[in-house]
N, C-alpha and C. Protein backbone atom coordinates (compact mmCIF):
# COMPACT_ATOMS: atom_id res chain seq x y z
N MET A 1 48.90 -70.27 158.19
CA MET A 1 49.05 -71.71 157.62
C MET A 1 49.05 -71.58 156.12
N ALA A 2 50.12 -72.28 155.56
CA ALA A 2 50.23 -72.26 154.07
C ALA A 2 49.22 -73.02 153.43
N THR A 3 48.79 -72.53 152.13
CA THR A 3 47.82 -73.24 151.41
C THR A 3 48.50 -74.16 150.55
N ARG A 4 47.80 -75.25 149.92
CA ARG A 4 48.47 -76.15 149.14
C ARG A 4 48.59 -75.51 147.80
N PRO A 5 49.66 -75.81 146.99
CA PRO A 5 49.90 -75.19 145.64
C PRO A 5 48.83 -75.70 144.74
N SER A 6 48.62 -74.96 143.69
CA SER A 6 47.61 -75.25 142.70
C SER A 6 48.07 -76.59 141.99
N ARG A 7 47.06 -77.40 141.82
CA ARG A 7 47.21 -78.65 141.06
C ARG A 7 46.28 -78.89 140.01
N TRP A 8 46.86 -79.60 139.04
CA TRP A 8 45.85 -79.90 137.97
C TRP A 8 45.03 -81.24 138.23
N CYS A 9 43.72 -81.17 138.05
CA CYS A 9 42.95 -82.35 138.34
C CYS A 9 42.70 -83.04 137.00
N GLY A 10 43.07 -84.34 137.00
CA GLY A 10 43.01 -85.07 135.80
C GLY A 10 41.64 -85.50 135.51
N LYS A 11 40.73 -85.58 136.53
CA LYS A 11 39.25 -85.90 136.32
C LYS A 11 38.43 -84.91 135.85
N CYS A 12 38.50 -83.61 136.41
CA CYS A 12 37.65 -82.51 135.90
C CYS A 12 38.39 -81.69 134.87
N ARG A 13 39.62 -81.88 134.78
CA ARG A 13 40.55 -81.07 133.89
C ARG A 13 40.47 -79.59 134.17
N LYS A 14 40.69 -79.26 135.49
CA LYS A 14 40.91 -77.97 136.09
C LYS A 14 41.97 -77.79 136.96
N VAL A 15 42.29 -76.60 137.31
CA VAL A 15 43.38 -76.32 138.22
C VAL A 15 42.69 -75.97 139.60
N HIS A 16 43.14 -76.58 140.68
CA HIS A 16 42.50 -76.33 141.97
C HIS A 16 43.56 -75.97 142.99
N ALA A 17 43.30 -75.12 144.03
CA ALA A 17 44.24 -74.81 145.03
C ALA A 17 44.45 -75.85 146.09
N GLY A 18 43.43 -76.63 146.08
CA GLY A 18 43.46 -77.83 147.03
C GLY A 18 42.85 -79.04 146.47
N ASP A 19 42.09 -79.82 147.16
CA ASP A 19 41.49 -80.97 146.65
C ASP A 19 40.33 -80.60 145.71
N CYS A 20 40.12 -81.29 144.67
CA CYS A 20 39.02 -81.07 143.64
C CYS A 20 37.66 -81.10 144.42
N PRO A 21 36.89 -80.01 144.20
CA PRO A 21 35.58 -79.81 144.94
C PRO A 21 34.60 -80.93 144.31
N ASN A 22 34.79 -81.37 143.16
CA ASN A 22 34.04 -82.28 142.44
C ASN A 22 34.40 -83.72 142.60
N ARG A 23 35.27 -84.02 143.61
CA ARG A 23 35.90 -85.22 143.83
C ARG A 23 34.81 -86.38 144.25
N VAL A 24 33.87 -85.82 145.14
CA VAL A 24 32.79 -86.87 145.55
C VAL A 24 32.05 -87.39 144.41
N ALA A 25 31.79 -86.57 143.47
CA ALA A 25 31.00 -86.99 142.19
C ALA A 25 31.64 -88.27 141.45
N TRP A 26 33.03 -88.26 141.49
CA TRP A 26 33.64 -89.37 140.53
C TRP A 26 34.32 -90.37 141.45
N GLN A 27 34.24 -90.29 142.88
CA GLN A 27 34.76 -91.39 143.63
C GLN A 27 34.00 -92.63 143.61
N LYS A 28 34.65 -93.85 143.76
CA LYS A 28 33.99 -95.06 143.75
C LYS A 28 33.05 -95.17 144.84
N PRO A 29 31.90 -95.80 144.81
CA PRO A 29 30.89 -95.92 145.88
C PRO A 29 31.50 -96.92 146.94
N VAL A 30 31.37 -96.66 148.12
CA VAL A 30 31.72 -97.64 149.13
C VAL A 30 30.79 -98.76 149.21
N LYS A 31 31.37 -99.97 149.20
CA LYS A 31 30.63 -101.20 149.22
C LYS A 31 30.00 -101.45 150.67
N ALA A 32 28.75 -102.11 150.71
CA ALA A 32 28.21 -102.41 151.99
C ALA A 32 28.92 -103.58 152.57
N LYS A 33 29.16 -103.66 153.81
CA LYS A 33 29.86 -104.86 154.44
C LYS A 33 28.80 -105.93 154.53
N SER A 34 29.30 -107.10 154.46
CA SER A 34 28.48 -108.44 154.65
C SER A 34 28.14 -108.73 156.04
N GLY A 35 28.77 -108.01 157.07
CA GLY A 35 28.43 -108.36 158.42
C GLY A 35 29.50 -109.31 159.06
N ARG A 36 30.20 -109.83 158.22
CA ARG A 36 31.23 -110.81 158.75
C ARG A 36 32.57 -110.05 158.59
N GLY A 37 33.53 -110.34 159.57
CA GLY A 37 34.81 -109.67 159.59
C GLY A 37 34.77 -108.76 160.66
N GLY A 38 35.89 -108.23 161.27
CA GLY A 38 36.02 -107.53 162.37
C GLY A 38 35.89 -108.29 163.72
N ARG A 39 35.96 -107.43 164.76
CA ARG A 39 35.91 -107.93 166.05
C ARG A 39 34.61 -108.75 166.35
N PRO A 40 33.36 -108.29 166.06
CA PRO A 40 32.21 -109.03 166.41
C PRO A 40 32.33 -110.50 165.74
N TRP A 41 32.70 -110.54 164.57
CA TRP A 41 32.72 -111.94 163.76
C TRP A 41 33.81 -112.74 164.45
N ARG A 42 34.98 -112.23 164.77
CA ARG A 42 36.00 -112.91 165.32
C ARG A 42 35.58 -113.48 166.69
N ARG A 43 34.86 -112.75 167.51
CA ARG A 43 34.30 -113.30 168.78
C ARG A 43 33.31 -114.41 168.59
N LYS A 44 32.43 -114.25 167.65
CA LYS A 44 31.43 -115.37 167.29
C LYS A 44 32.08 -116.52 166.90
N ARG A 45 33.15 -116.44 166.08
CA ARG A 45 33.86 -117.58 165.53
C ARG A 45 34.60 -118.28 166.71
N GLU A 46 35.13 -117.48 167.61
CA GLU A 46 35.77 -118.15 168.71
C GLU A 46 34.85 -118.88 169.58
N ARG A 47 33.65 -118.32 169.70
CA ARG A 47 32.55 -119.03 170.59
C ARG A 47 32.10 -120.34 169.93
N VAL A 48 31.90 -120.32 168.62
CA VAL A 48 31.64 -121.55 167.85
C VAL A 48 32.76 -122.60 167.95
N PHE A 49 33.97 -122.18 167.86
CA PHE A 49 35.11 -123.19 167.91
C PHE A 49 35.11 -123.68 169.36
N GLU A 50 34.87 -122.93 170.33
CA GLU A 50 34.91 -123.36 171.80
C GLU A 50 33.65 -124.33 171.96
N ARG A 51 32.59 -124.01 171.42
CA ARG A 51 31.28 -124.87 171.45
C ARG A 51 31.58 -126.22 170.94
N ASP A 52 32.36 -126.26 169.75
CA ASP A 52 32.56 -127.43 169.17
C ASP A 52 33.82 -128.22 169.53
N GLY A 53 34.44 -127.59 170.58
CA GLY A 53 35.65 -128.29 171.16
C GLY A 53 36.89 -128.27 170.26
N PHE A 54 37.00 -127.36 169.29
CA PHE A 54 38.02 -127.16 168.41
C PHE A 54 38.15 -128.51 167.46
N LEU A 55 37.08 -129.12 167.30
CA LEU A 55 37.05 -130.40 166.46
C LEU A 55 36.20 -130.12 165.25
N CYS A 56 36.67 -130.67 164.06
CA CYS A 56 36.05 -130.54 162.81
C CYS A 56 34.78 -131.48 162.87
N ARG A 57 33.58 -130.92 162.74
CA ARG A 57 32.32 -131.51 162.80
C ARG A 57 32.19 -132.64 161.84
N GLU A 58 32.56 -132.36 160.61
CA GLU A 58 32.45 -133.28 159.47
C GLU A 58 33.29 -134.53 159.63
N CYS A 59 34.62 -134.34 160.13
CA CYS A 59 35.41 -135.44 160.51
C CYS A 59 34.89 -136.27 161.67
N LEU A 60 34.24 -135.59 162.61
CA LEU A 60 33.61 -136.36 163.71
C LEU A 60 32.61 -137.23 163.18
N ARG A 61 31.78 -136.87 162.17
CA ARG A 61 30.57 -137.58 161.73
C ARG A 61 31.22 -138.89 160.95
N GLN A 62 32.41 -138.84 160.53
CA GLN A 62 33.11 -139.93 159.82
C GLN A 62 33.89 -140.74 160.86
N GLY A 63 33.97 -140.37 162.13
CA GLY A 63 34.57 -141.10 163.12
C GLY A 63 36.13 -140.69 163.20
N ILE A 64 36.62 -139.59 162.58
CA ILE A 64 37.91 -139.17 162.64
C ILE A 64 37.93 -137.79 163.59
N VAL A 65 39.02 -137.81 164.32
CA VAL A 65 39.16 -136.68 165.25
C VAL A 65 40.24 -135.75 164.63
N THR A 66 39.74 -134.56 164.19
CA THR A 66 40.71 -133.52 163.68
C THR A 66 40.54 -132.27 164.42
N VAL A 67 41.65 -131.91 165.13
CA VAL A 67 41.75 -130.72 165.95
C VAL A 67 42.10 -129.49 165.11
N VAL A 68 41.41 -128.49 165.25
CA VAL A 68 41.76 -127.31 164.48
C VAL A 68 42.16 -126.14 165.47
N THR A 69 42.70 -125.17 165.07
CA THR A 69 43.06 -123.89 165.78
C THR A 69 42.49 -122.76 165.21
N LEU A 70 42.60 -121.56 165.99
CA LEU A 70 42.02 -120.34 165.48
C LEU A 70 42.97 -119.70 164.45
N HIS A 71 44.19 -119.97 164.57
CA HIS A 71 45.27 -119.47 163.67
C HIS A 71 46.26 -120.40 163.27
N GLY A 72 47.04 -120.20 162.28
CA GLY A 72 48.16 -120.96 162.02
C GLY A 72 47.83 -122.04 160.81
N THR A 73 48.74 -123.06 160.72
CA THR A 73 48.63 -123.94 159.68
C THR A 73 47.43 -124.93 159.77
N LYS A 74 47.04 -125.19 160.97
CA LYS A 74 45.78 -125.96 161.26
C LYS A 74 44.56 -125.26 161.49
N ALA A 75 44.52 -124.03 161.02
CA ALA A 75 43.37 -123.13 161.31
C ALA A 75 42.09 -123.65 160.78
N GLY A 76 41.05 -123.58 161.59
CA GLY A 76 39.83 -124.15 161.13
C GLY A 76 38.95 -123.08 160.46
N ILE A 77 37.84 -123.56 159.91
CA ILE A 77 36.82 -122.63 159.23
C ILE A 77 35.59 -122.57 160.00
N CYS A 78 35.06 -121.42 160.16
CA CYS A 78 33.64 -121.27 160.73
C CYS A 78 32.69 -121.32 159.58
N ASP A 79 32.05 -122.34 159.37
CA ASP A 79 31.27 -122.49 158.21
C ASP A 79 29.79 -122.48 158.55
N HIS A 80 29.02 -122.11 157.40
CA HIS A 80 27.52 -121.93 157.59
C HIS A 80 27.02 -123.22 157.20
N ILE A 81 26.23 -123.89 158.10
CA ILE A 81 25.52 -125.11 157.83
C ILE A 81 24.55 -125.00 156.61
N VAL A 82 23.62 -124.00 156.61
CA VAL A 82 22.83 -123.61 155.57
C VAL A 82 23.47 -122.38 155.04
N PRO A 83 23.98 -122.40 153.75
CA PRO A 83 24.65 -121.38 153.12
C PRO A 83 23.92 -120.03 153.18
N LYS A 84 24.57 -118.95 153.15
CA LYS A 84 23.96 -117.69 153.09
C LYS A 84 23.20 -117.44 151.88
N ALA A 85 23.65 -117.99 150.68
CA ALA A 85 23.09 -117.93 149.53
C ALA A 85 21.67 -118.64 149.45
N GLU A 86 21.56 -119.68 150.31
CA GLU A 86 20.23 -120.45 150.48
C GLU A 86 19.37 -119.88 151.50
N GLY A 87 19.69 -118.73 152.11
CA GLY A 87 18.84 -118.25 153.24
C GLY A 87 19.30 -118.46 154.62
N GLY A 88 20.58 -119.11 154.65
CA GLY A 88 21.10 -119.21 156.12
C GLY A 88 21.48 -117.88 156.65
N SER A 89 21.61 -117.95 157.98
CA SER A 89 21.99 -116.80 158.72
C SER A 89 23.25 -116.78 159.36
N ASP A 90 23.73 -115.77 160.04
CA ASP A 90 25.07 -115.71 160.84
C ASP A 90 24.78 -116.20 162.27
N ALA A 91 23.65 -116.74 162.57
CA ALA A 91 23.39 -117.11 163.93
C ALA A 91 24.28 -118.34 164.34
N GLU A 92 24.72 -118.40 165.57
CA GLU A 92 25.56 -119.30 166.12
C GLU A 92 25.07 -120.70 165.81
N SER A 93 23.74 -120.95 165.81
CA SER A 93 23.15 -122.29 165.59
C SER A 93 23.30 -122.71 164.12
N ASN A 94 23.63 -121.87 163.24
CA ASN A 94 23.85 -122.08 161.81
C ASN A 94 25.29 -122.15 161.44
N LEU A 95 26.22 -122.24 162.46
CA LEU A 95 27.63 -122.13 162.21
C LEU A 95 28.32 -123.46 162.82
N GLN A 96 29.32 -123.95 162.13
CA GLN A 96 30.00 -125.15 162.60
C GLN A 96 31.57 -125.10 162.31
N THR A 97 32.35 -125.80 163.07
CA THR A 97 33.72 -125.77 162.88
C THR A 97 34.06 -126.87 161.91
N LEU A 98 34.88 -126.50 160.85
CA LEU A 98 35.42 -127.44 159.84
C LEU A 98 36.83 -127.36 159.67
N CYS A 99 37.57 -128.48 159.31
CA CYS A 99 38.96 -128.21 158.94
C CYS A 99 38.98 -127.76 157.45
N GLN A 100 40.18 -127.40 156.99
CA GLN A 100 40.27 -126.85 155.67
C GLN A 100 39.86 -127.82 154.61
N PRO A 101 40.24 -129.08 154.64
CA PRO A 101 39.86 -130.00 153.58
C PRO A 101 38.36 -130.25 153.38
N CYS A 102 37.73 -130.41 154.64
CA CYS A 102 36.28 -130.57 154.65
C CYS A 102 35.56 -129.32 154.22
N SER A 103 35.98 -128.15 154.50
CA SER A 103 35.42 -126.98 154.04
C SER A 103 35.49 -126.91 152.53
N ASP A 104 36.76 -127.27 151.95
CA ASP A 104 36.95 -127.04 150.60
C ASP A 104 35.98 -128.13 149.82
N LEU A 105 35.86 -129.23 150.33
CA LEU A 105 34.96 -130.27 149.79
C LEU A 105 33.54 -129.83 149.87
N LYS A 106 33.08 -129.33 150.83
CA LYS A 106 31.68 -128.83 151.20
C LYS A 106 31.50 -127.63 150.13
N THR A 107 32.46 -126.70 149.99
CA THR A 107 32.29 -125.61 149.06
C THR A 107 32.10 -126.17 147.53
N GLN A 108 32.96 -127.08 147.19
CA GLN A 108 32.81 -127.71 145.82
C GLN A 108 31.48 -128.23 145.68
N LEU A 109 30.96 -129.08 146.57
CA LEU A 109 29.62 -129.62 146.46
C LEU A 109 28.48 -128.58 146.33
N GLU A 110 28.56 -127.56 147.10
CA GLU A 110 27.67 -126.44 147.06
C GLU A 110 27.79 -125.79 145.73
N ALA A 111 28.98 -125.43 145.22
CA ALA A 111 29.12 -124.91 143.85
C ALA A 111 28.51 -125.76 142.86
N GLN A 112 28.61 -127.00 142.80
CA GLN A 112 28.07 -127.98 141.83
C GLN A 112 26.66 -127.92 141.93
N LYS A 113 26.05 -127.87 143.11
CA LYS A 113 24.66 -127.79 143.32
C LYS A 113 24.10 -126.50 142.77
N GLY A 114 24.75 -125.37 142.99
CA GLY A 114 24.32 -124.10 142.56
C GLY A 114 24.39 -124.08 140.95
N ARG A 115 25.40 -124.82 140.44
CA ARG A 115 25.50 -124.68 138.92
C ARG A 115 24.31 -125.54 138.26
N LYS A 116 23.82 -126.55 138.96
CA LYS A 116 22.73 -127.43 138.36
C LYS A 116 21.41 -126.70 138.46
N GLN A 117 21.32 -125.82 139.50
CA GLN A 117 20.03 -125.13 139.60
C GLN A 117 19.71 -124.08 138.45
């Protein structure tokens, strides 16, 4: 098996036959995941949407029926009732279905509340 040709490493300023052995020392650290995203979160999101009947909960409180979907232009948002920043969890009891306009408004109100504190 042929070895890789010697290459100049711009980080440690040396020539190496393969990858730089010091590479781990200067690589960026891997960020910890928030727990949202991936298949488990998608499944939980689908369960919340089905539980809420694919209807925006905030619109329903105002007497408006807004149907949302999982994907596409009318895609809904799986929103935390109590924000994670305020100690909320990813439990299904703390999640609700919102349409994009309601989610945007709720996010703005939470941001204003956070700036006042």
